[in-house]
Amino acid sequence: MFFIINKIEQASHSTERLRNPKSPNSPMVLSVYRNKVRTIIYTLYTKKAAGEFRDNTTGKKIARRHWTPEMKAFARQKIAEAPKPPFVFKMTVVGWLFALFFTGVFGYLIYDSVKPPLPKPEKVVAMEQAPAVGDIYFGRYEIYREKGNPLGMEGNFGWFKILEVEGDVYHIAKSVEMSKQHKPGSQLNSTDFETGSMTPVKISEQSGYDIRFKSEDGLTEIYITDKK
């Protein structure tokens, strides 16, 4: 972002009746000016004008610490008479674009923080609920002969039914029709289940998209993906 400060001369006054504190025989001139600040975002004029005395012969500025009381009084008078700036603060076209952009961003952030959350899909709500007796789910089970060893593992897809819940322990029966290959749930029996329960399991993970059960010995795992 560029940043430019210019001194804009408002008036120039002869000081014939004032004595030059640095060179008594050299005339002085009082310049009254106002600073103008320009950036890519805005243009700014200082509200208060300022003044500086210069040696009219050498053009050198006379430091304020050398000003006499008469010079200070003369400067105050002429500074007070200086014309007002055309404006104090004005946004540029780019500045307005930035302002509109950030207003939009902050407006969206505020709206996003206060707007009500979108309703969850029915499937997600159903999967987040604690399994209860009679609930029927679709998924896959895996039974290992040796924990962590996939050799000889039994795995099938199909429907499962919650037969009993004892605290955090679930007794689950699998459908009488299971498939070694994945098939849509609609193609498999979801009404007839074995009378006996599989190895009791506990929930190891649950979200709105899946439920995972695992037995105490880690040999039986059931992965649920849908609820009937």
Protein backbone atom coordinates (compact mmCIF):
# COMPACT_ATOMS: atom_id res chain seq x y z
CA MET A 1 0.00 0.00 0.00
CA PHE A 2 1.52 3.34 -1.03
CA PHE A 3 1.63 6.13 1.55
CA ILE A 4 2.33 9.71 0.45
CA ILE A 5 2.41 12.88 2.57
CA ASN A 6 2.41 16.24 0.80
CA LYS A 7 2.65 19.73 2.24
CA ILE A 8 -0.08 21.83 0.66
CA GLU A 9 0.70 25.55 0.95
CA GLN A 10 -2.36 27.52 2.03
CA ALA A 11 -0.84 31.01 2.09
CA SER A 12 2.44 32.91 2.12
CA HIS A 13 2.91 36.07 4.22
CA SER A 14 5.60 38.74 4.16
CA THR A 15 7.11 39.52 7.58
CA GLU A 16 8.72 42.93 7.05
CA ARG A 17 7.94 44.06 10.61
CA LEU A 18 9.51 40.98 12.20
CA ARG A 19 13.21 40.55 12.88
CA ASN A 20 14.97 37.46 11.58
CA PRO A 21 16.46 35.82 14.70
CA LYS A 22 19.20 34.11 12.68
CA SER A 23 20.09 36.87 10.19
CA PRO A 24 18.74 40.24 11.34
CA ASN A 25 19.33 41.88 7.95
CA SER A 26 17.65 39.11 5.94
CA PRO A 27 13.86 39.23 5.39
CA MET A 28 11.63 36.28 6.26
CA VAL A 29 8.46 34.76 4.83
CA LEU A 30 5.80 32.77 6.71
CA SER A 31 4.35 29.82 4.82
CA VAL A 32 1.07 28.38 6.11
CA TYR A 33 0.52 24.80 5.02
CA ARG A 34 -1.60 21.75 5.65
CA ASN A 35 -0.55 18.10 5.30
CA LYS A 36 -2.32 15.91 2.76
CA VAL A 37 -2.00 12.15 3.24
CA ARG A 38 -2.82 9.82 0.38
CA THR A 39 -3.04 6.04 0.42
CA ILE A 40 -4.72 3.52 -1.86
CA ILE A 41 -7.58 3.37 0.66
CA TYR A 42 -8.20 7.01 1.60
CA THR A 43 -7.16 10.67 1.27
CA LEU A 44 -6.75 12.78 4.42
CA TYR A 45 -6.23 16.49 5.12
CA THR A 46 -5.04 17.48 8.58
CA LYS A 47 -7.64 19.55 10.41
CA LYS A 48 -5.10 21.99 11.81
CA ALA A 49 -2.84 24.05 9.57
CA ALA A 50 0.78 24.74 10.48
CA GLY A 51 3.30 27.42 9.69
CA GLU A 52 7.02 27.75 9.13
CA PHE A 53 9.32 30.73 8.74
CA ARG A 54 12.02 30.71 6.07
CA ASP A 55 14.90 33.00 5.35
CA ASN A 56 13.85 34.75 2.16
CA THR A 57 17.44 35.04 0.99
CA THR A 58 18.75 31.53 1.63
CA GLY A 59 15.43 29.68 1.60
CA LYS A 60 16.43 27.86 4.77
CA LYS A 61 13.83 27.00 7.38
CA ILE A 62 14.12 28.78 10.73
CA ALA A 63 13.78 26.22 13.52
CA ARG A 64 10.87 26.79 15.89
CA ARG A 65 13.20 27.02 18.89
CA HIS A 66 14.54 30.29 17.44
CA TRP A 67 11.13 31.93 17.01
CA THR A 68 10.62 35.15 18.91
CA PRO A 69 7.35 35.87 20.77
CA GLU A 70 6.37 38.23 17.94
CA MET A 71 6.94 35.49 15.36
CA LYS A 72 4.83 33.04 17.37
CA ALA A 73 1.96 35.53 17.68
CA PHE A 74 2.11 36.36 13.96
CA ALA A 75 2.10 32.65 13.05
CA ARG A 76 -0.91 31.91 15.29
CA GLN A 77 -2.87 34.75 13.67
CA LYS A 78 -2.15 33.69 10.10
CA ILE A 79 -2.70 29.98 10.81
CA ALA A 80 -6.13 30.81 12.27
CA GLU A 81 -6.97 32.70 9.05
CA ALA A 82 -5.99 29.77 6.82
CA PRO A 83 -8.82 28.41 4.63
CA LYS A 84 -10.47 25.20 5.74
CA PRO A 85 -9.51 22.00 3.92
CA PRO A 86 -11.85 20.76 1.16
CA PHE A 87 -12.46 17.69 3.34
CA VAL A 88 -10.83 15.90 6.23
CA PHE A 89 -11.25 12.25 5.23
CA LYS A 90 -12.42 10.68 2.00
CA MET A 91 -12.40 7.05 0.88
CA THR A 92 -11.02 6.23 -2.54
CA VAL A 93 -12.82 3.92 -4.97
CA VAL A 94 -10.48 1.11 -3.92
CA GLY A 95 -11.19 1.98 -0.28
CA TRP A 96 -14.93 1.63 -0.80
CA LEU A 97 -14.39 -1.73 -2.50
CA PHE A 98 -12.30 -2.89 0.47
CA ALA A 99 -14.95 -1.62 2.89
CA LEU A 100 -17.74 -3.42 1.02
CA PHE A 101 -15.69 -6.61 0.87
CA PHE A 102 -14.87 -6.67 4.59
CA THR A 103 -18.43 -5.67 5.49
CA GLY A 104 -19.64 -8.64 3.48
CA VAL A 105 -17.11 -10.99 5.09
CA PHE A 106 -17.91 -9.87 8.65
CA GLY A 107 -21.63 -9.94 7.89
CA TYR A 108 -21.34 -13.52 6.68
CA LEU A 109 -19.27 -14.54 9.73
CA ILE A 110 -21.84 -13.01 12.08
CA TYR A 111 -24.71 -14.65 10.22
CA ASP A 112 -22.91 -17.98 10.15
CA SER A 113 -22.32 -17.81 13.92
CA VAL A 114 -25.96 -17.07 14.81
CA LYS A 115 -27.90 -19.00 12.18
CA PRO A 116 -29.57 -22.19 13.42
CA PRO A 117 -27.78 -25.41 12.46
CA LEU A 118 -29.11 -27.36 9.51
CA PRO A 119 -31.32 -30.28 10.53
CA LYS A 120 -29.50 -33.60 10.50
CA PRO A 121 -30.59 -36.23 7.98
CA GLU A 122 -32.90 -38.88 9.41
CA LYS A 123 -30.27 -41.55 8.83
CA VAL A 124 -27.70 -39.65 10.90
CA VAL A 125 -30.18 -39.07 13.74
CA ALA A 126 -31.12 -42.76 13.75
CA MET A 127 -27.49 -43.90 13.81
CA GLU A 128 -26.61 -41.53 16.66
CA GLN A 129 -29.28 -43.00 18.94
CA ALA A 130 -28.27 -45.68 21.42
CA PRO A 131 -29.19 -49.13 20.06
CA ALA A 132 -32.28 -50.56 21.77
CA VAL A 133 -33.91 -53.97 21.94
CA GLY A 134 -35.67 -54.70 18.66
CA ASP A 135 -33.56 -52.33 16.53
CA ILE A 136 -32.48 -53.80 13.21
CA TYR A 137 -29.28 -52.76 11.45
CA PHE A 138 -27.41 -53.57 8.26
CA GLY A 139 -23.69 -54.18 8.23
CA ARG A 140 -20.94 -56.76 8.38
CA TYR A 141 -19.46 -59.00 11.03
CA GLU A 142 -15.99 -60.48 11.35
CA ILE A 143 -15.05 -63.37 13.62
CA TYR A 144 -11.34 -64.09 14.07
CA ARG A 145 -9.77 -67.33 15.23
CA GLU A 146 -6.80 -65.39 16.54
CA LYS A 147 -6.86 -61.71 17.45
CA GLY A 148 -5.23 -59.57 14.78
CA ASN A 149 -4.74 -62.53 12.41
CA PRO A 150 -7.03 -62.40 9.33
CA LEU A 151 -6.25 -66.01 8.36
CA GLY A 152 -9.34 -68.14 8.74
CA MET A 153 -11.48 -65.10 9.58
CA GLU A 154 -15.24 -65.50 9.02
CA GLY A 155 -16.94 -62.45 7.55
CA ASN A 156 -20.39 -61.84 6.09
CA PHE A 157 -22.78 -59.01 5.20
CA GLY A 158 -26.39 -58.86 6.27
CA TRP A 159 -28.93 -57.69 8.83
CA PHE A 160 -28.60 -57.76 12.62
CA LYS A 161 -31.13 -57.46 15.43
CA ILE A 162 -30.62 -56.27 19.01
CA LEU A 163 -31.97 -59.08 21.23
CA GLU A 164 -30.96 -57.80 24.65
CA VAL A 165 -29.13 -54.89 26.27
CA GLU A 166 -27.39 -55.30 29.64
CA GLY A 167 -25.82 -51.98 30.56
CA ASP A 168 -23.20 -51.44 27.86
CA VAL A 169 -23.28 -55.06 26.69
CA TYR A 170 -25.31 -55.93 23.59
CA HIS A 171 -26.64 -59.32 22.57
CA ILE A 172 -27.07 -59.32 18.80
CA ALA A 173 -28.50 -61.93 16.44
CA LYS A 174 -27.64 -62.09 12.77
CA SER A 175 -30.08 -62.74 9.95
CA VAL A 176 -30.67 -66.27 8.73
CA GLU A 177 -29.49 -65.04 5.33
CA MET A 178 -25.99 -63.57 5.19
CA SER A 179 -23.77 -62.93 2.16
CA LYS A 180 -20.03 -63.27 1.82
CA GLN A 181 -20.15 -60.57 -0.89
CA HIS A 182 -21.54 -57.12 -0.29
CA LYS A 183 -25.12 -56.73 -1.49
CA PRO A 184 -27.69 -53.96 -1.00
CA GLY A 185 -29.68 -54.50 2.18
CA SER A 186 -32.89 -54.68 0.16
CA GLN A 187 -31.66 -57.93 -1.44
CA LEU A 188 -31.14 -59.70 1.88
CA ASN A 189 -33.57 -61.04 4.49
CA SER A 190 -34.23 -58.43 7.17
CA THR A 191 -37.13 -60.11 8.98
CA ASP A 192 -35.89 -63.55 10.05
CA PHE A 193 -33.07 -63.85 12.57
CA GLU A 194 -31.30 -66.60 14.42
CA THR A 195 -32.73 -67.28 17.86
CA GLY A 196 -29.35 -67.30 19.53
CA SER A 197 -27.09 -64.33 20.09
CA MET A 198 -23.62 -63.89 18.74
CA THR A 199 -20.80 -63.30 21.22
CA PRO A 200 -21.85 -60.34 23.44
CA VAL A 201 -20.29 -57.08 22.30
CA LYS A 202 -19.83 -53.48 23.39
CA ILE A 203 -19.87 -50.29 21.32
CA SER A 204 -16.30 -49.29 20.46
CA GLU A 205 -17.24 -46.38 18.19
CA GLN A 206 -20.45 -44.61 17.19
CA SER A 207 -21.21 -41.69 14.88
CA GLY A 208 -24.01 -40.58 12.62
CA TYR A 209 -22.63 -42.81 9.89
CA ASP A 210 -21.56 -46.04 11.53
CA ILE A 211 -21.56 -48.05 14.74
CA ARG A 212 -18.81 -50.48 15.67
CA PHE A 213 -19.24 -53.28 18.17
CA LYS A 214 -16.43 -55.40 19.56
CA SER A 215 -16.39 -58.38 21.90
CA GLU A 216 -14.40 -58.38 25.14
CA ASP A 217 -11.84 -60.81 23.70
CA GLY A 218 -11.53 -58.76 20.48
CA LEU A 219 -12.33 -61.74 18.25
CA THR A 220 -15.81 -60.60 17.16
CA GLU A 221 -16.45 -57.27 15.48
CA ILE A 222 -19.68 -55.94 13.95
CA TYR A 223 -19.68 -52.91 11.65
CA ILE A 224 -23.08 -51.23 11.26
CA THR A 225 -23.74 -48.79 8.39
CA ASP A 226 -27.55 -48.49 8.21
CA LYS A 227 -30.58 -48.72 10.45
CA LYS A 228 -33.86 -50.19 9.25
